[in-house]
Amino acid sequence: MKAKALVSAWVKPGSREPGWALRDGVVTLRVRERAIEGAANAACIRTLATALGISASRVRLRRGERARRKTFEIEGLDAAAVAARLRAAPDLL
């Protein structure tokens, strides 16, 4: 069975400065794309995959398709590995 982890994130679509940050255990994703026809969701998946150093195909939106609070499923990494990678990667906000 492949490892899977869930990541909860707060999303800010339509941001001037795209990027991500991990502060006090909360992941914030800022994307330029607006929340129209799934463009912001796709950008969030790409941003989170970049932050984790994995392919975007391993990140799936699990909950929150129309909300700012989203839950992503990360395939192939457990929760400890995801947390370690997010802490090690430089914030881009």
Protein backbone atom coordinates (compact mmCIF):
# COMPACT_ATOMS: atom_id res chain seq x y z
CA MET A 1 0.00 0.00 0.00
CA LYS A 2 1.39 3.37 -0.99
CA ALA A 3 1.87 6.05 1.64
CA LYS A 4 -0.53 8.98 1.54
CA ALA A 5 -0.68 12.17 3.54
CA LEU A 6 -3.26 14.91 3.87
CA VAL A 7 -2.27 18.58 3.82
CA SER A 8 -4.69 21.29 4.87
CA ALA A 9 -4.06 24.68 3.26
CA TRP A 10 -5.50 28.18 3.21
CA VAL A 11 -5.67 29.50 -0.37
CA LYS A 12 -5.52 33.09 -1.56
CA PRO A 13 -6.51 33.17 -5.26
CA GLY A 14 -5.88 36.25 -7.40
CA SER A 15 -2.74 37.22 -5.46
CA ARG A 16 -0.21 39.62 -6.92
CA GLU A 17 2.71 37.65 -5.50
CA PRO A 18 2.35 33.87 -5.93
CA GLY A 19 4.06 31.51 -3.51
CA TRP A 20 3.56 29.54 -0.35
CA ALA A 21 4.45 29.62 3.33
CA LEU A 22 4.30 27.37 6.39
CA ARG A 23 3.68 29.40 9.52
CA ASP A 24 2.56 27.97 12.86
CA GLY A 25 1.68 24.68 11.18
CA VAL A 26 -0.62 26.29 8.60
CA VAL A 27 0.17 26.09 4.87
CA THR A 28 -0.80 29.20 2.92
CA LEU A 29 -0.85 29.06 -0.88
CA ARG A 30 -1.00 32.26 -2.92
CA VAL A 31 -1.76 31.89 -6.61
CA ARG A 32 -2.28 34.46 -9.35
CA GLU A 33 -5.09 32.52 -11.00
CA ARG A 34 -8.63 33.47 -10.07
CA ALA A 35 -11.12 30.93 -8.76
CA ILE A 36 -12.75 30.48 -12.17
CA GLU A 37 -13.27 27.05 -13.74
CA GLY A 38 -10.74 25.37 -11.45
CA ALA A 39 -7.78 27.53 -12.50
CA ALA A 40 -6.87 28.42 -8.90
CA ASN A 41 -7.18 24.79 -7.78
CA ALA A 42 -4.81 23.64 -10.53
CA ALA A 43 -2.34 26.37 -9.59
CA CYS A 44 -2.52 25.30 -5.93
CA ILE A 45 -1.69 21.74 -6.89
CA ARG A 46 1.33 22.90 -8.92
CA THR A 47 2.52 25.21 -6.12
CA LEU A 48 2.21 22.54 -3.43
CA ALA A 49 3.97 19.96 -5.64
CA THR A 50 6.84 22.39 -6.22
CA ALA A 51 7.14 23.08 -2.50
CA LEU A 52 7.31 19.34 -1.80
CA GLY A 53 9.66 18.60 -4.69
CA ILE A 54 7.31 16.09 -6.30
CA SER A 55 5.31 15.77 -9.51
CA ALA A 56 1.95 17.55 -9.62
CA SER A 57 0.34 14.24 -10.60
CA ARG A 58 1.00 13.02 -7.02
CA VAL A 59 -1.10 15.83 -5.50
CA ARG A 60 -4.89 15.62 -5.54
CA LEU A 61 -7.51 18.00 -4.21
CA ARG A 62 -9.45 15.95 -1.69
CA ARG A 63 -11.77 18.53 -0.13
CA GLY A 64 -12.68 22.19 -0.63
CA GLU A 65 -13.10 22.55 -4.38
CA ARG A 66 -15.06 25.79 -3.93
CA ALA A 67 -13.62 26.93 -0.59
CA ARG A 68 -10.49 28.75 0.47
CA ARG A 69 -9.68 26.05 3.05
CA LYS A 70 -8.60 23.01 1.05
CA THR A 71 -7.32 19.55 1.83
CA PHE A 72 -4.84 17.93 -0.53
CA GLU A 73 -3.84 14.28 -0.68
CA ILE A 74 -0.14 13.63 -1.30
CA GLU A 75 0.63 10.25 -2.82
CA GLY A 76 3.87 8.45 -2.03
CA LEU A 77 4.76 10.42 1.12
CA ASP A 78 3.61 9.93 4.68
CA ALA A 79 2.66 12.80 6.98
CA ALA A 80 6.11 12.97 8.61
CA ALA A 81 7.87 13.21 5.23
CA VAL A 82 5.51 15.94 4.04
CA ALA A 83 6.04 17.95 7.23
CA ALA A 84 9.82 17.58 6.97
CA ARG A 85 9.86 18.69 3.33
CA LEU A 86 7.67 21.71 4.01
CA ARG A 87 9.85 22.76 6.96
CA ALA A 88 13.03 22.33 4.88
CA ALA A 89 11.81 24.16 1.76
CA PRO A 90 12.19 27.96 1.69
CA ASP A 91 8.99 29.97 2.05
CA LEU A 92 8.11 31.90 -1.06
CA LEU A 93 5.95 34.60 0.53
